[in-house]
């Protein structure tokens, strides 16, 4: 926890390596101070087949999943840092977005918690 899953058009990983994208996104998330660095998980899913607005426009969307308990301001800052980092990396890609979903502490469980 937390998880950051990057969905993007295949062309994105042709412009920059998956490793670079993941490293820079990890750094941007870590810079918020909201999470323990070893807990940050980042993954990428490049799509060779997709449609955006009925066409083939490149896109990046980060689905962010974090444990509940952060303020709206903290979550907004996290969103801004993610989108800003990606916009810096991909200045010609206009469709860059993120959303933040929160896990409920009461219902979250991982193996170590059994």
PDB file of N, CA and C in Angstrom:
ATOM      1  N   UNK A   1       0.863  -1.158   0.000  1.00  0.00           N
ATOM      2  CA  UNK A   1       0.000   0.000   0.000  1.00  0.00           C
ATOM      3  C   UNK A   1       0.903   1.211   0.000  1.00  0.00           C
ATOM      4  N   UNK A   2       0.749   2.190  -0.707  1.00  0.00           N
ATOM      5  CA  UNK A   2      -0.254   2.489  -1.725  1.00  0.00           C
ATOM      6  C   UNK A   2       0.116   1.886  -3.088  1.00  0.00           C
ATOM      7  N   UNK A   3      -0.872   1.867  -3.980  1.00  0.00           N
ATOM      8  CA  UNK A   3      -0.672   1.343  -5.329  1.00  0.00           C
ATOM      9  C   UNK A   3      -0.939   2.447  -6.348  1.00  0.00           C
ATOM     10  N   UNK A   4      -0.079   2.519  -7.357  1.00  0.00           N
ATOM     11  CA  UNK A   4      -0.230   3.474  -8.457  1.00  0.00           C
ATOM     12  C   UNK A   4      -0.108   2.678  -9.750  1.00  0.00           C
ATOM     13  N   UNK A   5      -1.217   2.571 -10.471  1.00  0.00           N
ATOM     14  CA  UNK A   5      -1.265   1.762 -11.686  1.00  0.00           C
ATOM     15  C   UNK A   5      -1.420   2.715 -12.875  1.00  0.00           C
ATOM     16  N   UNK A   6      -0.439   2.686 -13.760  1.00  0.00           N
ATOM     17  CA  UNK A   6      -0.412   3.574 -14.917  1.00  0.00           C
ATOM     18  C   UNK A   6      -0.971   2.828 -16.123  1.00  0.00           C
ATOM     19  N   UNK A   7      -2.088   3.296 -16.640  1.00  0.00           N
ATOM     20  CA  UNK A   7      -2.599   2.831 -17.927  1.00  0.00           C
ATOM     21  C   UNK A   7      -2.184   3.878 -18.950  1.00  0.00           C
ATOM     22  N   UNK A   8      -1.680   3.422 -20.090  1.00  0.00           N
ATOM     23  CA  UNK A   8      -1.223   4.369 -21.105  1.00  0.00           C
ATOM     24  C   UNK A   8      -1.233   3.722 -22.479  1.00  0.00           C
ATOM     25  N   UNK A   9      -1.172   4.569 -23.487  1.00  0.00           N
ATOM     26  CA  UNK A   9      -1.043   4.073 -24.852  1.00  0.00           C
ATOM     27  C   UNK A   9       0.375   3.505 -25.027  1.00  0.00           C
ATOM     28  N   UNK A  10       0.503   2.537 -25.903  1.00  0.00           N
ATOM     29  CA  UNK A  10       1.791   1.863 -26.152  1.00  0.00           C
ATOM     30  C   UNK A  10       2.889   2.857 -26.534  1.00  0.00           C
ATOM     31  N   UNK A  11       2.530   3.905 -27.240  1.00  0.00           N
ATOM     32  CA  UNK A  11       3.512   4.893 -27.689  1.00  0.00           C
ATOM     33  C   UNK A  11       4.244   5.548 -26.519  1.00  0.00           C
ATOM     34  N   UNK A  12       3.603   5.654 -25.381  1.00  0.00           N
ATOM     35  CA  UNK A  12       4.223   6.280 -24.206  1.00  0.00           C
ATOM     36  C   UNK A  12       5.508   5.553 -23.823  1.00  0.00           C
ATOM     37  N   UNK A  13       5.483   4.223 -23.831  1.00  0.00           N
ATOM     38  CA  UNK A  13       6.678   3.462 -23.431  1.00  0.00           C
ATOM     39  C   UNK A  13       7.691   3.353 -24.564  1.00  0.00           C
ATOM     40  N   UNK A  14       7.357   3.862 -25.717  1.00  0.00           N
ATOM     41  CA  UNK A  14       8.339   3.990 -26.796  1.00  0.00           C
ATOM     42  C   UNK A  14       9.099   5.314 -26.653  1.00  0.00           C
ATOM     43  N   UNK A  15       8.451   6.305 -26.042  1.00  0.00           N
ATOM     44  CA  UNK A  15       9.083   7.606 -25.839  1.00  0.00           C
ATOM     45  C   UNK A  15      10.023   7.598 -24.642  1.00  0.00           C
ATOM     46  N   UNK A  16       9.628   6.914 -23.588  1.00  0.00           N
ATOM     47  CA  UNK A  16      10.428   6.790 -22.363  1.00  0.00           C
ATOM     48  C   UNK A  16      10.329   5.346 -21.894  1.00  0.00           C
ATOM     49  N   UNK A  17      11.378   4.841 -21.278  1.00  0.00           N
ATOM     50  CA  UNK A  17      11.351   3.452 -20.818  1.00  0.00           C
ATOM     51  C   UNK A  17      10.383   3.288 -19.657  1.00  0.00           C
ATOM     52  N   UNK A  18       9.849   2.092 -19.529  1.00  0.00           N
ATOM     53  CA  UNK A  18       8.966   1.789 -18.408  1.00  0.00           C
ATOM     54  C   UNK A  18       9.682   2.046 -17.087  1.00  0.00           C
ATOM     55  N   UNK A  19      10.947   1.673 -17.021  1.00  0.00           N
ATOM     56  CA  UNK A  19      11.724   1.865 -15.790  1.00  0.00           C
ATOM     57  C   UNK A  19      11.825   3.342 -15.417  1.00  0.00           C
ATOM     58  N   UNK A  20      12.058   4.202 -16.409  1.00  0.00           N
ATOM     59  CA  UNK A  20      12.157   5.639 -16.128  1.00  0.00           C
ATOM     60  C   UNK A  20      10.811   6.201 -15.664  1.00  0.00           C
ATOM     61  N   UNK A  21       9.746   5.803 -16.330  1.00  0.00           N
ATOM     62  CA  UNK A  21       8.415   6.271 -15.941  1.00  0.00           C
ATOM     63  C   UNK A  21       8.115   5.857 -14.503  1.00  0.00           C
ATOM     64  N   UNK A  22       8.359   4.604 -14.185  1.00  0.00           N
ATOM     65  CA  UNK A  22       8.085   4.103 -12.835  1.00  0.00           C
ATOM     66  C   UNK A  22       8.952   4.799 -11.793  1.00  0.00           C
ATOM     67  N   UNK A  23      10.229   4.987 -12.092  1.00  0.00           N
ATOM     68  CA  UNK A  23      11.144   5.633 -11.142  1.00  0.00           C
ATOM     69  C   UNK A  23      10.728   7.076 -10.870  1.00  0.00           C
ATOM     70  N   UNK A  24      10.381   7.800 -11.910  1.00  0.00           N
ATOM     71  CA  UNK A  24      10.004   9.211 -11.714  1.00  0.00           C
ATOM     72  C   UNK A  24       8.657   9.334 -11.016  1.00  0.00           C
ATOM     73  N   UNK A  25       7.739   8.444 -11.324  1.00  0.00           N
ATOM     74  CA  UNK A  25       6.459   8.461 -10.632  1.00  0.00           C
ATOM     75  C   UNK A  25       6.646   8.098  -9.158  1.00  0.00           C
ATOM     76  N   UNK A  26       7.469   7.095  -8.893  1.00  0.00           N
ATOM     77  CA  UNK A  26       7.779   6.720  -7.504  1.00  0.00           C
ATOM     78  C   UNK A  26       8.368   7.906  -6.749  1.00  0.00           C
ATOM     79  N   UNK A  27       9.302   8.597  -7.372  1.00  0.00           N
ATOM     80  CA  UNK A  27       9.937   9.754  -6.735  1.00  0.00           C
ATOM     81  C   UNK A  27       8.919  10.862  -6.448  1.00  0.00           C
ATOM     82  N   UNK A  28       8.021  11.122  -7.401  1.00  0.00           N
ATOM     83  CA  UNK A  28       7.003  12.154  -7.213  1.00  0.00           C
ATOM     84  C   UNK A  28       6.070  11.800  -6.060  1.00  0.00           C
ATOM     85  N   UNK A  29       5.652  10.548  -5.998  1.00  0.00           N
ATOM     86  CA  UNK A  29       4.776  10.098  -4.911  1.00  0.00           C
ATOM     87  C   UNK A  29       5.514  10.186  -3.579  1.00  0.00           C
ATOM     88  N   UNK A  30       6.738   9.723  -3.546  1.00  0.00           N
ATOM     89  CA  UNK A  30       7.522   9.737  -2.311  1.00  0.00           C
ATOM     90  C   UNK A  30       7.757  11.161  -1.810  1.00  0.00           C
ATOM     91  N   UNK A  31       7.853  12.113  -2.727  1.00  0.00           N
ATOM     92  CA  UNK A  31       8.125  13.502  -2.344  1.00  0.00           C
ATOM     93  C   UNK A  31       7.005  14.126  -1.519  1.00  0.00           C
ATOM     94  N   UNK A  32       5.824  13.511  -1.511  1.00  0.00           N
ATOM     95  CA  UNK A  32       4.712  14.042  -0.723  1.00  0.00           C
ATOM     96  C   UNK A  32       4.914  13.815   0.772  1.00  0.00           C
ATOM     97  N   UNK A  33       5.705  12.812   1.133  1.00  0.00           N
ATOM     98  CA  UNK A  33       5.888  12.472   2.538  1.00  0.00           C
ATOM     99  C   UNK A  33       4.691  11.761   3.152  1.00  0.00           C
ATOM    100  N   UNK A  34       3.738  11.359   2.337  1.00  0.00           N
ATOM    101  CA  UNK A  34       2.530  10.709   2.843  1.00  0.00           C
ATOM    102  C   UNK A  34       2.694   9.219   3.106  1.00  0.00           C
ATOM    103  N   UNK A  35       3.740   8.617   2.527  1.00  0.00           N
ATOM    104  CA  UNK A  35       3.883   7.164   2.574  1.00  0.00           C
ATOM    105  C   UNK A  35       5.313   6.779   2.952  1.00  0.00           C
ATOM    106  N   UNK A  36       5.457   5.589   3.490  1.00  0.00           N
ATOM    107  CA  UNK A  36       6.788   5.021   3.696  1.00  0.00           C
ATOM    108  C   UNK A  36       7.289   4.565   2.323  1.00  0.00           C
ATOM    109  N   UNK A  37       8.486   4.971   1.957  1.00  0.00           N
ATOM    110  CA  UNK A  37       8.988   4.680   0.604  1.00  0.00           C
ATOM    111  C   UNK A  37       8.924   3.201   0.232  1.00  0.00           C
ATOM    112  N   UNK A  38       9.313   2.270   1.120  1.00  0.00           N
ATOM    113  CA  UNK A  38       9.256   0.853   0.726  1.00  0.00           C
ATOM    114  C   UNK A  38       7.840   0.341   0.438  1.00  0.00           C
ATOM    115  N   UNK A  39       6.831   1.070   0.898  1.00  0.00           N
ATOM    116  CA  UNK A  39       5.447   0.636   0.702  1.00  0.00           C
ATOM    117  C   UNK A  39       4.858   1.079  -0.634  1.00  0.00           C
ATOM    118  N   UNK A  40       5.498   2.007  -1.333  1.00  0.00           N
ATOM    119  CA  UNK A  40       4.962   2.552  -2.587  1.00  0.00           C
ATOM    120  C   UNK A  40       5.128   1.514  -3.701  1.00  0.00           C
ATOM    121  N   UNK A  41       4.010   1.198  -4.352  1.00  0.00           N
ATOM    122  CA  UNK A  41       4.015   0.220  -5.448  1.00  0.00           C
ATOM    123  C   UNK A  41       3.527   0.911  -6.719  1.00  0.00           C
ATOM    124  N   UNK A  42       4.309   0.799  -7.786  1.00  0.00           N
ATOM    125  CA  UNK A  42       3.975   1.444  -9.052  1.00  0.00           C
ATOM    126  C   UNK A  42       4.058   0.401 -10.160  1.00  0.00           C
ATOM    127  N   UNK A  43       3.024   0.351 -11.004  1.00  0.00           N
ATOM    128  CA  UNK A  43       2.986  -0.592 -12.126  1.00  0.00           C
ATOM    129  C   UNK A  43       2.527   0.155 -13.378  1.00  0.00           C
ATOM    130  N   UNK A  44       2.829  -0.441 -14.532  1.00  0.00           N
ATOM    131  CA  UNK A  44       2.444   0.208 -15.789  1.00  0.00           C
ATOM    132  C   UNK A  44       1.821  -0.805 -16.732  1.00  0.00           C
ATOM    133  N   UNK A  45       0.747  -0.381 -17.395  1.00  0.00           N
ATOM    134  CA  UNK A  45       0.040  -1.197 -18.381  1.00  0.00           C
ATOM    135  C   UNK A  45      -0.035  -0.430 -19.697  1.00  0.00           C
ATOM    136  N   UNK A  46       0.891  -0.683 -20.621  1.00  0.00           N
ATOM    137  CA  UNK A  46       0.773  -0.023 -21.928  1.00  0.00           C
ATOM    138  C   UNK A  46      -0.217  -0.797 -22.816  1.00  0.00           C
ATOM    139  N   UNK A  47      -1.112  -0.073 -23.474  1.00  0.00           N
ATOM    140  CA  UNK A  47      -2.134  -0.684 -24.310  1.00  0.00           C
ATOM    141  C   UNK A  47      -1.797  -0.487 -25.782  1.00  0.00           C
ATOM    142  N   UNK A  48      -1.640  -1.594 -26.548  1.00  0.00           N
ATOM    143  CA  UNK A  48      -1.403  -1.459 -27.988  1.00  0.00           C
ATOM    144  C   UNK A  48      -2.690  -1.128 -28.748  1.00  0.00           C
ATOM    145  N   UNK A  49      -3.834  -1.511 -28.203  1.00  0.00           N
ATOM    146  CA  UNK A  49      -5.121  -1.263 -28.845  1.00  0.00           C
ATOM    147  C   UNK A  49      -5.981  -0.478 -27.867  1.00  0.00           C
ATOM    148  N   UNK A  50      -6.490   0.666 -28.313  1.00  0.00           N
ATOM    149  CA  UNK A  50      -7.296   1.529 -27.455  1.00  0.00           C
ATOM    150  C   UNK A  50      -7.996   2.560 -28.329  1.00  0.00           C
ATOM    151  N   UNK A  51      -8.958   3.245 -27.747  1.00  0.00           N
ATOM    152  CA  UNK A  51      -9.615   4.359 -28.421  1.00  0.00           C
ATOM    153  C   UNK A  51      -9.782   5.485 -27.418  1.00  0.00           C
ATOM    154  N   UNK A  52      -9.454   6.680 -27.842  1.00  0.00           N
ATOM    155  CA  UNK A  52      -9.637   7.882 -27.033  1.00  0.00           C
ATOM    156  C   UNK A  52     -10.408   8.878 -27.887  1.00  0.00           C
ATOM    157  N   UNK A  53     -11.601   9.212 -27.448  1.00  0.00           N
ATOM    158  CA  UNK A  53     -12.423  10.132 -28.234  1.00  0.00           C
ATOM    159  C   UNK A  53     -12.714   9.603 -29.622  1.00  0.00           C
ATOM    160  N   UNK A  54     -12.750   8.286 -29.759  1.00  0.00           N
ATOM    161  CA  UNK A  54     -13.011   7.673 -31.051  1.00  0.00           C
ATOM    162  C   UNK A  54     -11.791   7.571 -31.940  1.00  0.00           C
ATOM    163  N   UNK A  55     -10.612   7.950 -31.435  1.00  0.00           N
ATOM    164  CA  UNK A  55      -9.390   7.912 -32.246  1.00  0.00           C
ATOM    165  C   UNK A  55      -8.221   7.300 -31.505  1.00  0.00           C
ATOM    166  N   UNK A  56      -7.001   7.623 -31.940  1.00  0.00           N
ATOM    167  CA  UNK A  56      -5.770   7.043 -31.400  1.00  0.00           C
ATOM    168  C   UNK A  56      -4.895   8.094 -30.734  1.00  0.00           C
ATOM    169  N   UNK A  57      -5.442   8.935 -29.900  1.00  0.00           N
ATOM    170  CA  UNK A  57      -4.659   9.950 -29.204  1.00  0.00           C
ATOM    171  C   UNK A  57      -3.959   9.313 -28.008  1.00  0.00           C
ATOM    172  N   UNK A  58      -2.661   9.627 -27.838  1.00  0.00           N
ATOM    173  CA  UNK A  58      -1.922   9.079 -26.704  1.00  0.00           C
ATOM    174  C   UNK A  58      -2.521   9.554 -25.385  1.00  0.00           C
ATOM    175  N   UNK A  59      -2.409   8.708 -24.363  1.00  0.00           N
ATOM    176  CA  UNK A  59      -2.972   9.030 -23.057  1.00  0.00           C
ATOM    177  C   UNK A  59      -2.157   8.389 -21.942  1.00  0.00           C
ATOM    178  N   UNK A  60      -2.281   8.965 -20.758  1.00  0.00           N
ATOM    179  CA  UNK A  60      -1.735   8.388 -19.528  1.00  0.00           C
ATOM    180  C   UNK A  60      -2.769   8.637 -18.446  1.00  0.00           C
ATOM    181  N   UNK A  61      -3.145   7.579 -17.735  1.00  0.00           N
ATOM    182  CA  UNK A  61      -4.028   7.732 -16.581  1.00  0.00           C
ATOM    183  C   UNK A  61      -3.461   6.899 -15.444  1.00  0.00           C
ATOM    184  N   UNK A  62      -3.279   7.542 -14.295  1.00  0.00           N
ATOM    185  CA  UNK A  62      -2.752   6.851 -13.114  1.00  0.00           C
ATOM    186  C   UNK A  62      -3.911   6.611 -12.153  1.00  0.00           C
ATOM    187  N   UNK A  63      -4.172   5.344 -11.889  1.00  0.00           N
ATOM    188  CA  UNK A  63      -5.174   4.952 -10.904  1.00  0.00           C
ATOM    189  C   UNK A  63      -4.448   4.792  -9.570  1.00  0.00           C
ATOM    190  N   UNK A  64      -4.757   5.687  -8.649  1.00  0.00           N
ATOM    191  CA  UNK A  64      -4.063   5.728  -7.359  1.00  0.00           C
ATOM    192  C   UNK A  64      -4.980   5.147  -6.291  1.00  0.00           C
ATOM    193  N   UNK A  65      -4.450   4.194  -5.531  1.00  0.00           N
ATOM    194  CA  UNK A  65      -5.210   3.536  -4.470  1.00  0.00           C
ATOM    195  C   UNK A  65      -4.422   3.691  -3.179  1.00  0.00           C
ATOM    196  N   UNK A  66      -4.991   4.425  -2.225  1.00  0.00           N
ATOM    197  CA  UNK A  66      -4.290   4.690  -0.970  1.00  0.00           C
ATOM    198  C   UNK A  66      -5.208   4.365   0.213  1.00  0.00           C
ATOM    199  N   UNK A  67      -4.594   4.174   1.374  1.00  0.00           N
ATOM    200  CA  UNK A  67      -5.373   3.938   2.579  1.00  0.00           C
ATOM    201  C   UNK A  67      -6.059   5.225   2.990  1.00  0.00           C
ATOM    202  N   UNK A  68      -7.300   5.127   3.442  1.00  0.00           N
ATOM    203  CA  UNK A  68      -8.036   6.309   3.871  1.00  0.00           C
ATOM    204  C   UNK A  68      -7.314   6.997   5.019  1.00  0.00           C
ATOM    205  N   UNK A  69      -7.611   8.278   5.192  1.00  0.00           N
ATOM    206  CA  UNK A  69      -7.035   9.005   6.313  1.00  0.00           C
ATOM    207  C   UNK A  69      -6.275  10.254   5.925  1.00  0.00           C
ATOM    208  N   UNK A  70      -6.067  10.488   4.630  1.00  0.00           N
ATOM    209  CA  UNK A  70      -5.403  11.724   4.202  1.00  0.00           C
ATOM    210  C   UNK A  70      -6.448  12.800   3.963  1.00  0.00           C
ATOM    211  N   UNK A  71      -6.046  14.043   4.118  1.00  0.00           N
ATOM    212  CA  UNK A  71      -6.970  15.152   3.894  1.00  0.00           C
ATOM    213  C   UNK A  71      -7.192  15.352   2.396  1.00  0.00           C
ATOM    214  N   UNK A  72      -8.223  16.109   2.071  1.00  0.00           N
ATOM    215  CA  UNK A  72      -8.486  16.471   0.673  1.00  0.00           C
ATOM    216  C   UNK A  72      -7.291  17.228   0.116  1.00  0.00           C
ATOM    217  N   UNK A  73      -6.716  18.108   0.911  1.00  0.00           N
ATOM    218  CA  UNK A  73      -5.552  18.885   0.454  1.00  0.00           C
ATOM    219  C   UNK A  73      -4.359  17.975   0.160  1.00  0.00           C
ATOM    220  N   UNK A  74      -4.124  16.978   0.991  1.00  0.00           N
ATOM    221  CA  UNK A  74      -3.024  16.046   0.758  1.00  0.00           C
ATOM    222  C   UNK A  74      -3.258  15.234  -0.509  1.00  0.00           C
ATOM    223  N   UNK A  75      -4.480  14.783  -0.705  1.00  0.00           N
ATOM    224  CA  UNK A  75      -4.792  14.004  -1.910  1.00  0.00           C
ATOM    225  C   UNK A  75      -4.697  14.874  -3.158  1.00  0.00           C
ATOM    226  N   UNK A  76      -5.130  16.122  -3.069  1.00  0.00           N
ATOM    227  CA  UNK A  76      -5.028  17.039  -4.210  1.00  0.00           C
ATOM    228  C   UNK A  76      -3.568  17.313  -4.554  1.00  0.00           C
ATOM    229  N   UNK A  77      -2.729  17.473  -3.537  1.00  0.00           N
ATOM    230  CA  UNK A  77      -1.297  17.685  -3.767  1.00  0.00           C
ATOM    231  C   UNK A  77      -0.672  16.456  -4.420  1.00  0.00           C
ATOM    232  N   UNK A  78      -1.048  15.278  -3.964  1.00  0.00           N
ATOM    233  CA  UNK A  78      -0.556  14.036  -4.572  1.00  0.00           C
ATOM    234  C   UNK A  78      -0.943  13.992  -6.048  1.00  0.00           C
ATOM    235  N   UNK A  79      -2.188  14.287  -6.362  1.00  0.00           N
ATOM    236  CA  UNK A  79      -2.638  14.304  -7.764  1.00  0.00           C
ATOM    237  C   UNK A  79      -1.823  15.291  -8.587  1.00  0.00           C
ATOM    238  N   UNK A  80      -1.623  16.481  -8.045  1.00  0.00           N
ATOM    239  CA  UNK A  80      -0.882  17.508  -8.773  1.00  0.00           C
ATOM    240  C   UNK A  80       0.555  17.073  -9.033  1.00  0.00           C
ATOM    241  N   UNK A  81       1.191  16.458  -8.055  1.00  0.00           N
ATOM    242  CA  UNK A  81       2.580  16.013  -8.250  1.00  0.00           C
ATOM    243  C   UNK A  81       2.673  14.918  -9.308  1.00  0.00           C
ATOM    244  N   UNK A  82       1.723  14.000  -9.309  1.00  0.00           N
ATOM    245  CA  UNK A  82       1.720  12.918 -10.303  1.00  0.00           C
ATOM    246  C   UNK A  82       1.545  13.491 -11.706  1.00  0.00           C
ATOM    247  N   UNK A  83       0.524  14.309 -11.901  1.00  0.00           N
ATOM    248  CA  UNK A  83       0.250  14.852 -13.234  1.00  0.00           C
ATOM    249  C   UNK A  83       1.373  15.790 -13.677  1.00  0.00           C
ATOM    250  N   UNK A  84       1.910  16.579 -12.763  1.00  0.00           N
ATOM    251  CA  UNK A  84       3.007  17.500 -13.116  1.00  0.00           C
ATOM    252  C   UNK A  84       4.242  16.739 -13.566  1.00  0.00           C
ATOM    253  N   UNK A  85       4.575  15.671 -12.860  1.00  0.00           N
ATOM    254  CA  UNK A  85       5.758  14.872 -13.236  1.00  0.00           C
ATOM    255  C   UNK A  85       5.570  14.265 -14.622  1.00  0.00           C
ATOM    256  N   UNK A  86       4.407  13.712 -14.877  1.00  0.00           N
ATOM    257  CA  UNK A  86       4.148  13.097 -16.181  1.00  0.00           C
ATOM    258  C   UNK A  86       4.069  14.144 -17.289  1.00  0.00           C
ATOM    259  N   UNK A  87       3.490  15.296 -17.006  1.00  0.00           N
ATOM    260  CA  UNK A  87       3.431  16.372 -18.006  1.00  0.00           C
ATOM    261  C   UNK A  87       4.828  16.865 -18.349  1.00  0.00           C
ATOM    262  N   UNK A  88       5.719  16.892 -17.357  1.00  0.00           N
ATOM    263  CA  UNK A  88       7.110  17.272 -17.599  1.00  0.00           C
ATOM    264  C   UNK A  88       7.807  16.245 -18.489  1.00  0.00           C
ATOM    265  N   UNK A  89       7.515  14.973 -18.265  1.00  0.00           N
ATOM    266  CA  UNK A  89       8.126  13.911 -19.067  1.00  0.00           C
ATOM    267  C   UNK A  89       7.568  13.839 -20.483  1.00  0.00           C
ATOM    268  N   UNK A  90       6.274  14.166 -20.615  1.00  0.00           N
ATOM    269  CA  UNK A  90       5.575  14.009 -21.896  1.00  0.00           C
ATOM    270  C   UNK A  90       4.870  15.319 -22.269  1.00  0.00           C
ATOM    271  N   UNK A  91       5.631  16.329 -22.670  1.00  0.00           N
ATOM    272  CA  UNK A  91       5.036  17.652 -22.927  1.00  0.00           C
ATOM    273  C   UNK A  91       4.048  17.682 -24.095  1.00  0.00           C
ATOM    274  N   UNK A  92       4.089  16.713 -24.991  1.00  0.00           N
ATOM    275  CA  UNK A  92       3.167  16.724 -26.134  1.00  0.00           C
ATOM    276  C   UNK A  92       1.925  15.871 -25.903  1.00  0.00           C
ATOM    277  N   UNK A  93       1.856  15.175 -24.773  1.00  0.00           N
ATOM    278  CA  UNK A  93       0.688  14.347 -24.456  1.00  0.00           C
ATOM    279  C   UNK A  93      -0.290  15.201 -23.659  1.00  0.00           C
ATOM    280  N   UNK A  94      -1.474  15.412 -24.218  1.00  0.00           N
ATOM    281  CA  UNK A  94      -2.452  16.292 -23.585  1.00  0.00           C
ATOM    282  C   UNK A  94      -3.387  15.556 -22.637  1.00  0.00           C
ATOM    283  N   UNK A  95      -3.537  14.268 -22.825  1.00  0.00           N
ATOM    284  CA  UNK A  95      -4.446  13.491 -21.968  1.00  0.00           C
ATOM    285  C   UNK A  95      -3.639  12.782 -20.885  1.00  0.00           C
ATOM    286  N   UNK A  96      -3.393  13.513 -19.805  1.00  0.00           N
ATOM    287  CA  UNK A  96      -2.702  12.982 -18.633  1.00  0.00           C
ATOM    288  C   UNK A  96      -3.594  13.267 -17.436  1.00  0.00           C
ATOM    289  N   UNK A  97      -3.913  12.225 -16.683  1.00  0.00           N
ATOM    290  CA  UNK A  97      -4.821  12.400 -15.542  1.00  0.00           C
ATOM    291  C   UNK A  97      -4.518  11.367 -14.464  1.00  0.00           C
ATOM    292  N   UNK A  98      -5.076  11.604 -13.296  1.00  0.00           N
ATOM    293  CA  UNK A  98      -5.028  10.633 -12.208  1.00  0.00           C
ATOM    294  C   UNK A  98      -6.303  10.750 -11.398  1.00  0.00           C
ATOM    295  N   UNK A  99      -6.609   9.711 -10.678  1.00  0.00           N
ATOM    296  CA  UNK A  99      -7.666   9.769  -9.674  1.00  0.00           C
ATOM    297  C   UNK A  99      -7.161   9.015  -8.448  1.00  0.00           C
ATOM    298  N   UNK A 100      -7.706   9.383  -7.307  1.00  0.00           N
ATOM    299  CA  UNK A 100      -7.277   8.755  -6.061  1.00  0.00           C
ATOM    300  C   UNK A 100      -8.483   8.100  -5.411  1.00  0.00           C
ATOM    301  N   UNK A 101      -8.379   6.799  -5.212  1.00  0.00           N
ATOM    302  CA  UNK A 101      -9.401   6.044  -4.502  1.00  0.00           C
ATOM    303  C   UNK A 101      -8.816   5.625  -3.159  1.00  0.00           C
ATOM    304  N   UNK A 102      -9.665   5.590  -2.149  1.00  0.00           N
ATOM    305  CA  UNK A 102      -9.197   5.235  -0.819  1.00  0.00           C
ATOM    306  C   UNK A 102      -9.716   3.864  -0.401  1.00  0.00           C
ATOM    307  N   UNK A 103      -8.806   3.066   0.179  1.00  0.00           N
ATOM    308  CA  UNK A 103      -9.190   1.809   0.805  1.00  0.00           C
ATOM    309  C   UNK A 103      -9.759   2.121   2.183  1.00  0.00           C
ATOM    310  N   UNK A 104     -10.758   1.375   2.615  1.00  0.00           N
ATOM    311  CA  UNK A 104     -11.253   1.493   3.978  1.00  0.00           C
ATOM    312  C   UNK A 104     -10.356   0.690   4.906  1.00  0.00           C
ATOM    313  N   UNK A 105      -9.907   1.297   5.964  1.00  0.00           N
ATOM    314  CA  UNK A 105      -9.079   0.583   6.938  1.00  0.00           C
ATOM    315  C   UNK A 105      -9.811  -0.641   7.491  1.00  0.00           C
ATOM    316  N   UNK A 106     -11.098  -0.506   7.703  1.00  0.00           N
ATOM    317  CA  UNK A 106     -11.879  -1.588   8.302  1.00  0.00           C
ATOM    318  C   UNK A 106     -11.960  -2.830   7.425  1.00  0.00           C
ATOM    319  N   UNK A 107     -11.869  -2.661   6.105  1.00  0.00           N
ATOM    320  CA  UNK A 107     -12.035  -3.798   5.208  1.00  0.00           C
ATOM    321  C   UNK A 107     -10.756  -4.201   4.478  1.00  0.00           C
ATOM    322  N   UNK A 108      -9.675  -3.452   4.645  1.00  0.00           N
ATOM    323  CA  UNK A 108      -8.411  -3.800   3.990  1.00  0.00           C
ATOM    324  C   UNK A 108      -7.745  -4.938   4.742  1.00  0.00           C
ATOM    325  N   UNK A 109      -7.206  -5.888   4.000  1.00  0.00           N
ATOM    326  CA  UNK A 109      -6.496  -7.007   4.601  1.00  0.00           C
ATOM    327  C   UNK A 109      -5.408  -7.461   3.645  1.00  0.00           C
ATOM    328  N   UNK A 110      -4.235  -7.719   4.178  1.00  0.00           N
ATOM    329  CA  UNK A 110      -3.199  -8.375   3.391  1.00  0.00           C
ATOM    330  C   UNK A 110      -2.721  -9.597   4.147  1.00  0.00           C
ATOM    331  N   UNK A 111      -1.879 -10.376   3.523  1.00  0.00           N
ATOM    332  CA  UNK A 111      -1.448 -11.660   4.090  1.00  0.00           C
ATOM    333  C   UNK A 111      -0.823 -11.512   5.470  1.00  0.00           C
ATOM    334  N   UNK A 112      -0.016 -10.459   5.648  1.00  0.00           N
ATOM    335  CA  UNK A 112       0.644 -10.263   6.937  1.00  0.00           C
ATOM    336  C   UNK A 112      -0.341  -9.965   8.062  1.00  0.00           C
ATOM    337  N   UNK A 113      -1.553  -9.573   7.707  1.00  0.00           N
ATOM    338  CA  UNK A 113      -2.550  -9.224   8.715  1.00  0.00           C
ATOM    339  C   UNK A 113      -3.387 -10.430   9.155  1.00  0.00           C
ATOM    340  N   UNK A 114      -3.207 -11.575   8.501  1.00  0.00           N
ATOM    341  CA  UNK A 114      -3.983 -12.786   8.865  1.00  0.00           C
ATOM    342  C   UNK A 114      -3.610 -13.259  10.240  1.00  0.00           C
TER     343      UNK A 114
END
